[in-house]
Amino acid sequence: MEFERDVPAERDVPDAVLDRLDNLLSADGFRQTLRGVYVRNLDKDWRAWIAVSGLPNLLLPNIGIYNEDVATIGRTAFAKVGRPNGNPPDTGPPLIMVGLERVIGDDADCAQHMSWSHQNKKNATLEQLGTDAADDLYYCLKKKGYPFFADRMTFESILAAGHNATASPAFPHYFPVVLVKLGRRDDVPRYVQDYLRRIPYPELQQNYKGYVDALMEVMGT
């Protein structure tokens, strides 16, 4: 079929695109800790996080932020309950996470640099992306992503993420730590009970309660 001949043989983001993006981001202090995952120290504890997945003709960038002290407490608690984190260091998880296209919104300038996206394209192309897509993505990251990171280096921002649909899937496992960091240790039991109501299986409920107990033990609370 003609369509089959037009589809790129690869099923992932081209290496050349990620290599170009790595070169651009590394100049700003980012390091690629996993394929397509880039992390930068914003200060002693706060980390900017970028993850780029997609297809040969489309990039799906997500951006986020996490706190290394919170992540370390979580890793330690997971290890105490027999669930060690198998991810390499400096990979997160982010506690705030959102698609870059959502952050860009209706920014007309960035819209002119979205060769990496199908947004605003009348016809999505099957043509494989070139390194110019990495240049355009970098432009949008600098304009919209970097200020996003700078504005969210607080535990209050993590708290807000739970209410504005920018919390990551990892959020429930680290939010009790954030509450303690905010001086709201007494709110942890209520949050845990609210979250347990959303867990359908008793075994998983017990696992989560045991994990939160380990978090509190690690923090000495």
N, C-alpha and C. Protein backbone atom coordinates (compact mmCIF):
# COMPACT_ATOMS: atom_id res chain seq x y z
N MET A 1 0.83 -1.21 0.00
CA MET A 1 0.00 0.00 0.00
C MET A 1 0.86 1.25 0.00
N GLU A 2 0.39 2.28 -0.66
CA GLU A 2 1.15 3.52 -0.73
C GLU A 2 1.35 4.11 0.65
N PHE A 3 0.30 4.04 1.50
CA PHE A 3 0.39 4.59 2.85
C PHE A 3 1.52 3.92 3.62
N GLU A 4 1.63 2.61 3.51
CA GLU A 4 2.65 1.89 4.25
C GLU A 4 4.05 2.30 3.82
N ARG A 5 4.22 2.63 2.55
CA ARG A 5 5.54 3.06 2.11
C ARG A 5 5.90 4.43 2.65
N ASP A 6 4.85 5.25 2.94
CA ASP A 6 5.11 6.60 3.42
C ASP A 6 5.38 6.67 4.92
N VAL A 7 4.96 5.66 5.68
CA VAL A 7 5.14 5.68 7.11
C VAL A 7 6.60 5.46 7.46
N PRO A 8 7.21 6.31 8.30
CA PRO A 8 8.61 6.10 8.69
C PRO A 8 8.80 4.74 9.34
N ALA A 9 9.93 4.12 9.06
CA ALA A 9 10.20 2.79 9.60
C ALA A 9 10.33 2.82 11.11
N GLU A 10 10.84 3.94 11.65
CA GLU A 10 11.00 4.05 13.10
C GLU A 10 9.65 4.29 13.76
N ARG A 11 9.57 4.00 15.05
CA ARG A 11 8.35 4.25 15.80
C ARG A 11 8.64 5.10 17.03
N ASP A 12 9.69 5.90 16.97
CA ASP A 12 10.09 6.70 18.12
C ASP A 12 10.68 8.00 17.61
N VAL A 13 10.95 8.90 18.57
CA VAL A 13 11.57 10.17 18.21
C VAL A 13 12.94 9.91 17.60
N PRO A 14 13.26 10.50 16.48
CA PRO A 14 14.57 10.26 15.86
C PRO A 14 15.72 10.66 16.78
N ASP A 15 16.77 9.85 16.79
CA ASP A 15 17.93 10.13 17.63
C ASP A 15 18.53 11.50 17.33
N ALA A 16 18.53 11.88 16.04
CA ALA A 16 19.14 13.15 15.67
C ALA A 16 18.42 14.33 16.31
N VAL A 17 17.10 14.20 16.48
CA VAL A 17 16.32 15.27 17.11
C VAL A 17 16.66 15.38 18.59
N LEU A 18 16.72 14.23 19.27
CA LEU A 18 17.05 14.26 20.69
C LEU A 18 18.50 14.69 20.92
N ASP A 19 19.40 14.29 20.02
CA ASP A 19 20.80 14.71 20.17
C ASP A 19 20.93 16.22 20.03
N ARG A 20 20.20 16.78 19.06
CA ARG A 20 20.24 18.23 18.88
C ARG A 20 19.65 18.94 20.10
N LEU A 21 18.53 18.43 20.60
CA LEU A 21 17.91 19.03 21.78
C LEU A 21 18.84 18.92 22.99
N ASP A 22 19.51 17.79 23.12
CA ASP A 22 20.45 17.60 24.22
C ASP A 22 21.56 18.64 24.16
N ASN A 23 22.07 18.91 22.97
CA ASN A 23 23.12 19.92 22.82
C ASN A 23 22.63 21.31 23.23
N LEU A 24 21.42 21.63 22.84
CA LEU A 24 20.87 22.94 23.16
C LEU A 24 20.60 23.08 24.66
N LEU A 25 19.97 22.06 25.24
CA LEU A 25 19.61 22.14 26.66
C LEU A 25 20.84 22.05 27.57
N SER A 26 21.83 21.27 27.16
CA SER A 26 23.02 21.12 28.00
C SER A 26 23.75 22.45 28.15
N ALA A 27 23.64 23.32 27.14
CA ALA A 27 24.25 24.65 27.24
C ALA A 27 23.59 25.48 28.32
N ASP A 28 22.35 25.11 28.71
CA ASP A 28 21.63 25.82 29.76
C ASP A 28 21.70 25.07 31.10
N GLY A 29 22.51 24.05 31.16
CA GLY A 29 22.69 23.34 32.43
C GLY A 29 21.87 22.08 32.60
N PHE A 30 21.09 21.71 31.59
CA PHE A 30 20.33 20.46 31.67
C PHE A 30 21.24 19.27 31.37
N ARG A 31 20.92 18.14 31.98
CA ARG A 31 21.60 16.89 31.67
C ARG A 31 20.55 15.84 31.31
N GLN A 32 20.85 15.03 30.31
CA GLN A 32 19.92 14.00 29.87
C GLN A 32 20.14 12.76 30.74
N THR A 33 19.21 12.50 31.67
CA THR A 33 19.39 11.43 32.64
C THR A 33 18.78 10.11 32.19
N LEU A 34 17.84 10.18 31.29
CA LEU A 34 17.28 9.04 30.58
C LEU A 34 17.04 9.51 29.15
N ARG A 35 16.83 8.59 28.23
CA ARG A 35 16.57 9.01 26.86
C ARG A 35 15.33 9.90 26.82
N GLY A 36 15.53 11.13 26.40
CA GLY A 36 14.43 12.07 26.29
C GLY A 36 14.03 12.76 27.58
N VAL A 37 14.76 12.51 28.68
CA VAL A 37 14.47 13.15 29.96
C VAL A 37 15.64 14.07 30.33
N TYR A 38 15.33 15.33 30.60
CA TYR A 38 16.35 16.34 30.86
C TYR A 38 16.05 17.01 32.20
N VAL A 39 17.07 17.15 33.02
CA VAL A 39 16.90 17.70 34.37
C VAL A 39 17.95 18.78 34.60
N ARG A 40 17.54 19.85 35.27
CA ARG A 40 18.47 20.93 35.61
C ARG A 40 18.25 21.34 37.06
N ASN A 41 19.35 21.54 37.78
CA ASN A 41 19.28 22.09 39.14
C ASN A 41 18.90 23.56 39.06
N LEU A 42 17.79 23.91 39.71
CA LEU A 42 17.40 25.31 39.81
C LEU A 42 18.02 25.96 41.03
N ASP A 43 18.16 25.18 42.09
CA ASP A 43 18.90 25.59 43.28
C ASP A 43 19.31 24.31 44.00
N LYS A 44 19.55 24.38 45.29
CA LYS A 44 20.01 23.21 46.04
C LYS A 44 19.05 22.03 45.93
N ASP A 45 17.74 22.29 45.97
CA ASP A 45 16.76 21.21 46.01
C ASP A 45 15.80 21.16 44.82
N TRP A 46 15.48 22.29 44.24
CA TRP A 46 14.47 22.29 43.18
C TRP A 46 15.08 21.95 41.83
N ARG A 47 14.34 21.12 41.06
CA ARG A 47 14.81 20.63 39.76
C ARG A 47 13.78 20.90 38.68
N ALA A 48 14.24 21.42 37.56
CA ALA A 48 13.40 21.51 36.37
C ALA A 48 13.47 20.19 35.62
N TRP A 49 12.37 19.78 35.05
CA TRP A 49 12.26 18.45 34.42
C TRP A 49 11.57 18.59 33.08
N ILE A 50 12.17 18.01 32.06
CA ILE A 50 11.60 18.00 30.71
C ILE A 50 11.63 16.56 30.21
N ALA A 51 10.52 16.11 29.65
CA ALA A 51 10.48 14.77 29.05
C ALA A 51 9.90 14.89 27.65
N VAL A 52 10.62 14.35 26.68
CA VAL A 52 10.20 14.44 25.28
C VAL A 52 10.00 13.03 24.74
N SER A 53 8.77 12.70 24.44
CA SER A 53 8.45 11.44 23.78
C SER A 53 7.77 11.78 22.46
N GLY A 54 7.25 10.78 21.78
CA GLY A 54 6.55 11.05 20.54
C GLY A 54 6.78 10.01 19.49
N LEU A 55 6.73 10.48 18.25
CA LEU A 55 6.85 9.63 17.07
C LEU A 55 7.87 10.26 16.13
N PRO A 56 8.21 9.60 15.04
CA PRO A 56 9.17 10.20 14.11
C PRO A 56 8.71 11.55 13.55
N ASN A 57 7.39 11.77 13.50
CA ASN A 57 6.87 13.01 12.92
C ASN A 57 6.17 13.91 13.92
N LEU A 58 6.35 13.63 15.23
CA LEU A 58 5.61 14.38 16.25
C LEU A 58 6.32 14.30 17.59
N LEU A 59 6.49 15.44 18.26
CA LEU A 59 7.07 15.46 19.61
C LEU A 59 5.97 15.78 20.61
N LEU A 60 6.04 15.09 21.77
CA LEU A 60 5.08 15.29 22.85
C LEU A 60 5.84 15.69 24.10
N PRO A 61 6.21 16.95 24.22
CA PRO A 61 7.01 17.40 25.38
C PRO A 61 6.14 17.68 26.61
N ASN A 62 6.58 17.19 27.74
CA ASN A 62 5.99 17.52 29.03
C ASN A 62 7.06 18.23 29.86
N ILE A 63 6.62 19.15 30.69
CA ILE A 63 7.54 19.84 31.58
C ILE A 63 7.04 19.73 33.00
N GLY A 64 7.95 19.81 33.95
CA GLY A 64 7.55 19.68 35.34
C GLY A 64 8.64 20.16 36.28
N ILE A 65 8.39 19.97 37.54
CA ILE A 65 9.34 20.39 38.56
C ILE A 65 9.23 19.45 39.74
N TYR A 66 10.34 19.23 40.41
CA TYR A 66 10.31 18.43 41.64
C TYR A 66 11.36 18.94 42.61
N ASN A 67 11.23 18.47 43.84
CA ASN A 67 12.14 18.85 44.91
C ASN A 67 12.97 17.63 45.27
N GLU A 68 14.28 17.73 45.20
CA GLU A 68 15.14 16.57 45.41
C GLU A 68 15.05 16.04 46.83
N ASP A 69 14.90 16.92 47.81
CA ASP A 69 14.77 16.46 49.19
C ASP A 69 13.51 15.62 49.36
N VAL A 70 12.41 16.08 48.77
CA VAL A 70 11.16 15.32 48.83
C VAL A 70 11.33 13.98 48.10
N ALA A 71 11.97 14.00 46.93
CA ALA A 71 12.19 12.77 46.18
C ALA A 71 13.04 11.78 46.96
N THR A 72 14.05 12.29 47.66
CA THR A 72 14.93 11.42 48.45
C THR A 72 14.17 10.77 49.60
N ILE A 73 13.32 11.55 50.26
CA ILE A 73 12.49 11.00 51.35
C ILE A 73 11.59 9.90 50.80
N GLY A 74 10.98 10.15 49.64
CA GLY A 74 10.12 9.14 49.04
C GLY A 74 10.87 7.87 48.66
N ARG A 75 12.05 8.03 48.07
CA ARG A 75 12.85 6.85 47.70
C ARG A 75 13.21 6.04 48.94
N THR A 76 13.58 6.73 50.00
CA THR A 76 13.96 6.04 51.24
C THR A 76 12.77 5.27 51.82
N ALA A 77 11.59 5.89 51.79
CA ALA A 77 10.38 5.23 52.31
C ALA A 77 10.00 4.04 51.45
N PHE A 78 10.09 4.18 50.14
CA PHE A 78 9.80 3.04 49.26
C PHE A 78 10.74 1.88 49.56
N ALA A 79 12.00 2.18 49.79
CA ALA A 79 12.97 1.11 50.10
C ALA A 79 12.63 0.44 51.43
N LYS A 80 12.15 1.21 52.39
CA LYS A 80 11.82 0.65 53.71
C LYS A 80 10.65 -0.34 53.63
N VAL A 81 9.74 -0.12 52.68
CA VAL A 81 8.60 -1.04 52.54
C VAL A 81 8.83 -2.07 51.44
N GLY A 82 10.08 -2.20 51.02
CA GLY A 82 10.43 -3.25 50.06
C GLY A 82 10.09 -2.93 48.63
N ARG A 83 10.01 -1.66 48.30
CA ARG A 83 9.71 -1.26 46.91
C ARG A 83 10.72 -0.22 46.45
N PRO A 84 11.99 -0.63 46.33
CA PRO A 84 13.03 0.35 45.95
C PRO A 84 12.78 0.92 44.56
N ASN A 85 13.14 2.18 44.44
CA ASN A 85 13.00 2.88 43.15
C ASN A 85 14.11 2.42 42.21
N GLY A 86 13.72 1.87 41.07
CA GLY A 86 14.71 1.38 40.13
C GLY A 86 15.19 2.40 39.12
N ASN A 87 14.66 3.63 39.18
CA ASN A 87 15.08 4.66 38.23
C ASN A 87 16.44 5.23 38.60
N PRO A 88 17.21 5.65 37.60
CA PRO A 88 18.51 6.28 37.89
C PRO A 88 18.31 7.58 38.67
N PRO A 89 19.35 8.06 39.34
CA PRO A 89 19.26 9.37 40.03
C PRO A 89 18.95 10.48 39.04
N ASP A 90 18.43 11.57 39.56
CA ASP A 90 18.15 12.76 38.76
C ASP A 90 17.14 12.50 37.65
N THR A 91 16.12 11.71 37.93
CA THR A 91 15.07 11.49 36.94
C THR A 91 13.69 11.89 37.46
N GLY A 92 13.62 12.38 38.69
CA GLY A 92 12.34 12.78 39.25
C GLY A 92 11.93 11.86 40.39
N PRO A 93 10.64 11.63 40.50
CA PRO A 93 9.59 12.03 39.55
C PRO A 93 9.15 13.47 39.76
N PRO A 94 8.65 14.10 38.68
CA PRO A 94 8.10 15.44 38.85
C PRO A 94 6.83 15.37 39.68
N LEU A 95 6.57 16.41 40.45
CA LEU A 95 5.32 16.49 41.21
C LEU A 95 4.32 17.39 40.50
N ILE A 96 4.83 18.36 39.77
CA ILE A 96 4.01 19.13 38.82
C ILE A 96 4.41 18.66 37.44
N MET A 97 3.43 18.36 36.59
CA MET A 97 3.74 17.93 35.23
C MET A 97 2.61 18.38 34.30
N VAL A 98 2.98 18.95 33.17
CA VAL A 98 1.97 19.45 32.24
C VAL A 98 2.57 19.44 30.84
N GLY A 99 1.71 19.23 29.85
CA GLY A 99 2.15 19.28 28.46
C GLY A 99 2.57 20.69 28.07
N LEU A 100 3.68 20.80 27.36
CA LEU A 100 4.17 22.13 26.97
C LEU A 100 3.13 22.87 26.14
N GLU A 101 2.37 22.18 25.31
CA GLU A 101 1.38 22.86 24.48
C GLU A 101 0.33 23.57 25.34
N ARG A 102 -0.01 22.99 26.49
CA ARG A 102 -0.95 23.66 27.39
C ARG A 102 -0.34 24.93 27.96
N VAL A 103 0.94 24.91 28.28
CA VAL A 103 1.61 26.09 28.81
C VAL A 103 1.73 27.17 27.74
N ILE A 104 1.97 26.75 26.50
CA ILE A 104 2.08 27.71 25.40
C ILE A 104 0.75 28.41 25.18
N GLY A 105 -0.33 27.64 25.27
CA GLY A 105 -1.65 28.22 25.10
C GLY A 105 -1.81 28.90 23.75
N ASP A 106 -2.27 30.16 23.76
CA ASP A 106 -2.51 30.89 22.51
C ASP A 106 -1.38 31.85 22.17
N ASP A 107 -0.19 31.57 22.69
CA ASP A 107 0.96 32.43 22.38
C ASP A 107 1.26 32.37 20.88
N ALA A 108 1.02 33.47 20.19
CA ALA A 108 1.16 33.49 18.74
C ALA A 108 2.60 33.32 18.30
N ASP A 109 3.53 33.83 19.09
CA ASP A 109 4.94 33.70 18.73
C ASP A 109 5.37 32.25 18.76
N CYS A 110 5.06 31.56 19.84
CA CYS A 110 5.43 30.15 19.92
C CYS A 110 4.72 29.32 18.86
N ALA A 111 3.50 29.73 18.50
CA ALA A 111 2.75 29.00 17.47
C ALA A 111 3.52 28.94 16.16
N GLN A 112 4.37 29.94 15.94
CA GLN A 112 5.19 29.96 14.72
C GLN A 112 6.41 29.04 14.84
N HIS A 113 6.63 28.48 16.01
CA HIS A 113 7.78 27.61 16.23
C HIS A 113 7.33 26.24 16.74
N MET A 114 6.24 25.74 16.17
CA MET A 114 5.71 24.46 16.61
C MET A 114 5.74 23.43 15.48
N SER A 115 6.87 23.41 14.77
CA SER A 115 7.04 22.40 13.72
C SER A 115 7.06 21.00 14.31
N TRP A 116 7.29 20.90 15.61
CA TRP A 116 7.34 19.62 16.31
C TRP A 116 5.96 19.09 16.69
N SER A 117 4.92 19.91 16.48
CA SER A 117 3.56 19.56 16.90
C SER A 117 2.63 19.54 15.70
N HIS A 118 1.50 18.83 15.82
CA HIS A 118 0.47 18.87 14.79
C HIS A 118 -0.52 20.00 15.03
N GLN A 119 -0.36 20.70 16.14
CA GLN A 119 -1.26 21.82 16.44
C GLN A 119 -1.12 22.90 15.37
N ASN A 120 -2.25 23.44 14.99
CA ASN A 120 -2.31 24.52 14.00
C ASN A 120 -1.92 24.07 12.59
N LYS A 121 -1.81 22.75 12.38
CA LYS A 121 -1.51 22.24 11.04
C LYS A 121 -2.78 21.67 10.44
N LYS A 122 -3.10 22.08 9.23
CA LYS A 122 -4.32 21.58 8.60
C LYS A 122 -4.20 20.09 8.29
N ASN A 123 -3.02 19.68 7.91
CA ASN A 123 -2.82 18.28 7.57
C ASN A 123 -1.57 17.78 8.26
N ALA A 124 -1.74 16.84 9.18
CA ALA A 124 -0.58 16.25 9.86
C ALA A 124 0.25 15.48 8.84
N THR A 125 1.55 15.70 8.87
CA THR A 125 2.43 15.07 7.90
C THR A 125 3.05 13.81 8.48
N LEU A 126 3.36 12.87 7.59
CA LEU A 126 4.05 11.65 8.00
C LEU A 126 5.56 11.80 7.83
N GLU A 127 5.99 12.97 7.35
CA GLU A 127 7.41 13.17 7.12
C GLU A 127 8.17 13.22 8.44
N GLN A 128 9.31 12.51 8.50
CA GLN A 128 10.09 12.47 9.73
C GLN A 128 10.65 13.84 10.07
N LEU A 129 10.63 14.16 11.34
CA LEU A 129 11.13 15.45 11.80
C LEU A 129 12.64 15.54 11.60
N GLY A 130 13.09 16.76 11.32
CA GLY A 130 14.51 17.04 11.27
C GLY A 130 14.96 17.78 12.52
N THR A 131 16.22 18.13 12.56
CA THR A 131 16.75 18.79 13.76
C THR A 131 16.18 20.19 13.96
N ASP A 132 15.58 20.76 12.89
CA ASP A 132 14.94 22.06 13.07
C ASP A 132 13.78 21.99 14.05
N ALA A 133 13.16 20.81 14.18
CA ALA A 133 12.09 20.64 15.16
C ALA A 133 12.64 20.79 16.58
N ALA A 134 13.86 20.29 16.81
CA ALA A 134 14.49 20.46 18.12
C ALA A 134 14.77 21.93 18.39
N ASP A 135 15.21 22.67 17.35
CA ASP A 135 15.44 24.11 17.51
C ASP A 135 14.17 24.84 17.88
N ASP A 136 13.07 24.48 17.21
CA ASP A 136 11.79 25.13 17.50
C ASP A 136 11.29 24.76 18.90
N LEU A 137 11.45 23.51 19.27
CA LEU A 137 11.03 23.10 20.61
C LEU A 137 11.84 23.84 21.67
N TYR A 138 13.12 23.96 21.46
CA TYR A 138 13.98 24.67 22.40
C TYR A 138 13.53 26.13 22.54
N TYR A 139 13.15 26.74 21.42
CA TYR A 139 12.67 28.12 21.45
C TYR A 139 11.46 28.25 22.38
N CYS A 140 10.51 27.32 22.23
CA CYS A 140 9.30 27.36 23.05
C CYS A 140 9.59 27.02 24.51
N LEU A 141 10.53 26.11 24.74
CA LEU A 141 10.90 25.79 26.11
C LEU A 141 11.50 27.01 26.80
N LYS A 142 12.37 27.72 26.11
CA LYS A 142 13.00 28.90 26.71
C LYS A 142 11.96 29.99 26.98
N LYS A 143 11.05 30.16 26.04
CA LYS A 143 10.09 31.27 26.20
C LYS A 143 9.01 30.96 27.24
N LYS A 144 8.49 29.74 27.24
CA LYS A 144 7.35 29.41 28.10
C LYS A 144 7.69 28.43 29.22
N GLY A 145 8.59 27.49 28.92
CA GLY A 145 8.92 26.48 29.92
C GLY A 145 9.80 27.00 31.03
N TYR A 146 10.84 27.75 30.70
CA TYR A 146 11.76 28.24 31.72
C TYR A 146 11.07 29.13 32.74
N PRO A 147 10.21 30.08 32.32
CA PRO A 147 9.47 30.87 33.32
C PRO A 147 8.53 30.00 34.16
N PHE A 148 7.96 28.96 33.55
CA PHE A 148 7.10 28.03 34.29
C PHE A 148 7.89 27.41 35.45
N PHE A 149 9.12 26.97 35.18
CA PHE A 149 9.94 26.40 36.25
C PHE A 149 10.19 27.43 37.36
N ALA A 150 10.61 28.62 36.95
CA ALA A 150 11.00 29.64 37.93
C ALA A 150 9.84 30.04 38.84
N ASP A 151 8.61 29.97 38.31
CA ASP A 151 7.44 30.40 39.08
C ASP A 151 6.92 29.33 40.04
N ARG A 152 7.49 28.12 40.01
CA ARG A 152 6.91 27.02 40.77
C ARG A 152 7.88 26.35 41.72
N MET A 153 8.87 27.08 42.15
CA MET A 153 9.87 26.53 43.07
C MET A 153 9.45 26.69 44.53
N THR A 154 8.20 26.34 44.83
CA THR A 154 7.71 26.44 46.20
C THR A 154 6.80 25.25 46.48
N PHE A 155 6.69 24.91 47.77
CA PHE A 155 5.77 23.84 48.15
C PHE A 155 4.33 24.28 47.98
N GLU A 156 4.07 25.59 48.06
CA GLU A 156 2.73 26.09 47.80
C GLU A 156 2.30 25.79 46.36
N SER A 157 3.26 25.84 45.43
CA SER A 157 2.95 25.52 44.04
C SER A 157 2.59 24.04 43.87
N ILE A 158 3.28 23.18 44.63
CA ILE A 158 2.95 21.76 44.60
C ILE A 158 1.54 21.55 45.13
N LEU A 159 1.22 22.25 46.21
CA LEU A 159 -0.12 22.17 46.79
C LEU A 159 -1.17 22.59 45.76
N ALA A 160 -0.91 23.68 45.07
CA ALA A 160 -1.86 24.20 44.08
C ALA A 160 -2.04 23.24 42.92
N ALA A 161 -0.99 22.49 42.60
CA ALA A 161 -1.08 21.56 41.47
C ALA A 161 -2.16 20.51 41.66
N GLY A 162 -2.42 20.18 42.91
CA GLY A 162 -3.47 19.21 43.18
C GLY A 162 -4.86 19.74 42.88
N HIS A 163 -4.98 21.06 42.69
CA HIS A 163 -6.29 21.67 42.45
C HIS A 163 -6.45 22.21 41.04
N ASN A 164 -5.37 22.27 40.26
CA ASN A 164 -5.47 22.86 38.92
C ASN A 164 -5.05 21.91 37.81
N ALA A 165 -5.12 20.61 38.10
CA ALA A 165 -4.88 19.57 37.08
C ALA A 165 -3.47 19.61 36.50
N THR A 166 -2.51 20.02 37.31
CA THR A 166 -1.12 19.95 36.86
C THR A 166 -0.29 19.02 37.75
N ALA A 167 -0.95 18.26 38.62
CA ALA A 167 -0.24 17.29 39.46
C ALA A 167 0.13 16.07 38.62
N SER A 168 1.31 15.52 38.88
CA SER A 168 1.76 14.35 38.14
C SER A 168 1.15 13.09 38.73
N PRO A 169 1.25 11.95 38.04
CA PRO A 169 0.77 10.68 38.61
C PRO A 169 1.47 10.31 39.91
N ALA A 170 2.67 10.82 40.15
CA ALA A 170 3.42 10.51 41.37
C ALA A 170 2.95 11.33 42.57
N PHE A 171 2.13 12.32 42.34
CA PHE A 171 1.73 13.29 43.36
C PHE A 171 1.25 12.64 44.67
N PRO A 172 0.36 11.64 44.64
CA PRO A 172 -0.15 11.09 45.91
C PRO A 172 0.91 10.47 46.80
N HIS A 173 2.00 10.01 46.20
CA HIS A 173 3.05 9.36 46.99
C HIS A 173 4.01 10.36 47.64
N TYR A 174 3.94 11.60 47.25
CA TYR A 174 4.86 12.59 47.80
C TYR A 174 4.14 13.76 48.48
N PHE A 175 2.84 13.86 48.26
CA PHE A 175 2.11 14.98 48.84
C PHE A 175 2.13 14.99 50.36
N PRO A 176 2.08 13.83 51.05
CA PRO A 176 2.20 13.90 52.51
C PRO A 176 3.49 14.59 52.97
N VAL A 177 4.57 14.39 52.22
CA VAL A 177 5.83 15.07 52.56
C VAL A 177 5.68 16.57 52.38
N VAL A 178 5.01 16.98 51.31
CA VAL A 178 4.81 18.40 51.05
C VAL A 178 4.00 19.03 52.18
N LEU A 179 2.98 18.32 52.64
CA LEU A 179 2.19 18.86 53.75
C LEU A 179 3.06 19.07 54.99
N VAL A 180 3.93 18.13 55.29
CA VAL A 180 4.83 18.29 56.44
C VAL A 180 5.76 19.49 56.21
N LYS A 181 6.27 19.62 54.99
CA LYS A 181 7.16 20.74 54.69
C LYS A 181 6.45 22.09 54.88
N LEU A 182 5.14 22.08 54.67
CA LEU A 182 4.36 23.31 54.82
C LEU A 182 3.89 23.53 56.26
N GLY A 183 4.34 22.65 57.17
CA GLY A 183 3.92 22.77 58.56
C GLY A 183 2.51 22.29 58.82
N ARG A 184 2.03 21.38 57.95
CA ARG A 184 0.65 20.90 58.06
C ARG A 184 0.62 19.40 58.33
N ARG A 185 1.48 18.95 59.24
CA ARG A 185 1.53 17.52 59.59
C ARG A 185 0.17 16.99 60.02
N ASP A 186 -0.62 17.79 60.70
CA ASP A 186 -1.92 17.34 61.19
C ASP A 186 -2.91 17.06 60.06
N ASP A 187 -2.62 17.59 58.86
CA ASP A 187 -3.52 17.36 57.72
C ASP A 187 -3.23 16.05 57.00
N VAL A 188 -2.11 15.43 57.31
CA VAL A 188 -1.74 14.20 56.59
C VAL A 188 -2.78 13.10 56.75
N PRO A 189 -3.25 12.77 57.97
CA PRO A 189 -4.24 11.68 58.10
C PRO A 189 -5.49 11.92 57.27
N ARG A 190 -5.97 13.17 57.22
CA ARG A 190 -7.17 13.46 56.44
C ARG A 190 -6.91 13.25 54.95
N TYR A 191 -5.73 13.70 54.47
CA TYR A 191 -5.41 13.49 53.06
C TYR A 191 -5.32 12.00 52.75
N VAL A 192 -4.69 11.24 53.64
CA VAL A 192 -4.54 9.80 53.42
C VAL A 192 -5.91 9.13 53.34
N GLN A 193 -6.81 9.48 54.24
CA GLN A 193 -8.14 8.89 54.22
C GLN A 193 -8.90 9.25 52.95
N ASP A 194 -8.78 10.50 52.52
CA ASP A 194 -9.43 10.91 51.27
C ASP A 194 -8.87 10.12 50.09
N TYR A 195 -7.55 9.94 50.08
CA TYR A 195 -6.94 9.21 48.95
C TYR A 195 -7.31 7.73 48.99
N LEU A 196 -7.39 7.15 50.17
CA LEU A 196 -7.73 5.73 50.29
C LEU A 196 -9.12 5.44 49.72
N ARG A 197 -10.02 6.39 49.79
CA ARG A 197 -11.36 6.18 49.24
C ARG A 197 -11.34 6.00 47.73
N ARG A 198 -10.24 6.46 47.10
CA ARG A 198 -10.14 6.32 45.64
C ARG A 198 -9.40 5.05 45.24
N ILE A 199 -8.90 4.30 46.21
CA ILE A 199 -8.19 3.05 45.92
C ILE A 199 -9.16 1.89 46.09
N PRO A 200 -9.42 1.14 45.03
CA PRO A 200 -10.50 0.14 45.10
C PRO A 200 -10.15 -1.16 45.81
N TYR A 201 -8.88 -1.48 46.00
CA TYR A 201 -8.51 -2.78 46.53
C TYR A 201 -7.90 -2.66 47.92
N PRO A 202 -8.39 -3.47 48.87
CA PRO A 202 -7.86 -3.41 50.24
C PRO A 202 -6.36 -3.60 50.34
N GLU A 203 -5.80 -4.48 49.52
CA GLU A 203 -4.35 -4.70 49.59
C GLU A 203 -3.59 -3.44 49.20
N LEU A 204 -4.07 -2.76 48.17
CA LEU A 204 -3.41 -1.51 47.76
C LEU A 204 -3.59 -0.43 48.81
N GLN A 205 -4.73 -0.42 49.47
CA GLN A 205 -4.94 0.53 50.54
C GLN A 205 -3.93 0.30 51.67
N GLN A 206 -3.72 -0.96 52.03
CA GLN A 206 -2.76 -1.27 53.08
C GLN A 206 -1.35 -0.90 52.66
N ASN A 207 -1.03 -1.14 51.40
CA ASN A 207 0.30 -0.78 50.90
C ASN A 207 0.53 0.72 51.01
N TYR A 208 -0.49 1.50 50.64
CA TYR A 208 -0.33 2.96 50.69
C TYR A 208 -0.18 3.44 52.13
N LYS A 209 -1.01 2.90 53.05
CA LYS A 209 -0.91 3.30 54.46
C LYS A 209 0.46 2.94 55.02
N GLY A 210 0.97 1.77 54.68
CA GLY A 210 2.30 1.38 55.15
C GLY A 210 3.39 2.28 54.60
N TYR A 211 3.23 2.68 53.35
CA TYR A 211 4.20 3.58 52.74
C TYR A 211 4.18 4.95 53.42
N VAL A 212 2.99 5.49 53.69
CA VAL A 212 2.90 6.80 54.36
C VAL A 212 3.49 6.71 55.76
N ASP A 213 3.26 5.61 56.46
CA ASP A 213 3.88 5.42 57.77
C ASP A 213 5.40 5.47 57.66
N ALA A 214 5.92 4.85 56.60
CA ALA A 214 7.37 4.88 56.39
C ALA A 214 7.85 6.30 56.09
N LEU A 215 7.06 7.07 55.33
CA LEU A 215 7.42 8.47 55.08
C LEU A 215 7.55 9.24 56.39
N MET A 216 6.56 9.10 57.25
CA MET A 216 6.58 9.83 58.51
C MET A 216 7.76 9.39 59.38
N GLU A 217 8.10 8.11 59.32
CA GLU A 217 9.24 7.62 60.09
C GLU A 217 10.54 8.22 59.56
N VAL A 218 10.68 8.27 58.23
CA VAL A 218 11.89 8.83 57.63
C VAL A 218 12.06 10.29 58.04
N MET A 219 10.94 11.02 58.09
CA MET A 219 11.00 12.45 58.45
C MET A 219 11.03 12.68 59.95
N GLY A 220 10.88 11.60 60.73
CA GLY A 220 10.94 11.73 62.17
C GLY A 220 9.76 12.46 62.76
N THR A 221 8.58 12.30 62.12
CA THR A 221 7.38 12.98 62.63
C THR A 221 6.41 11.99 63.24
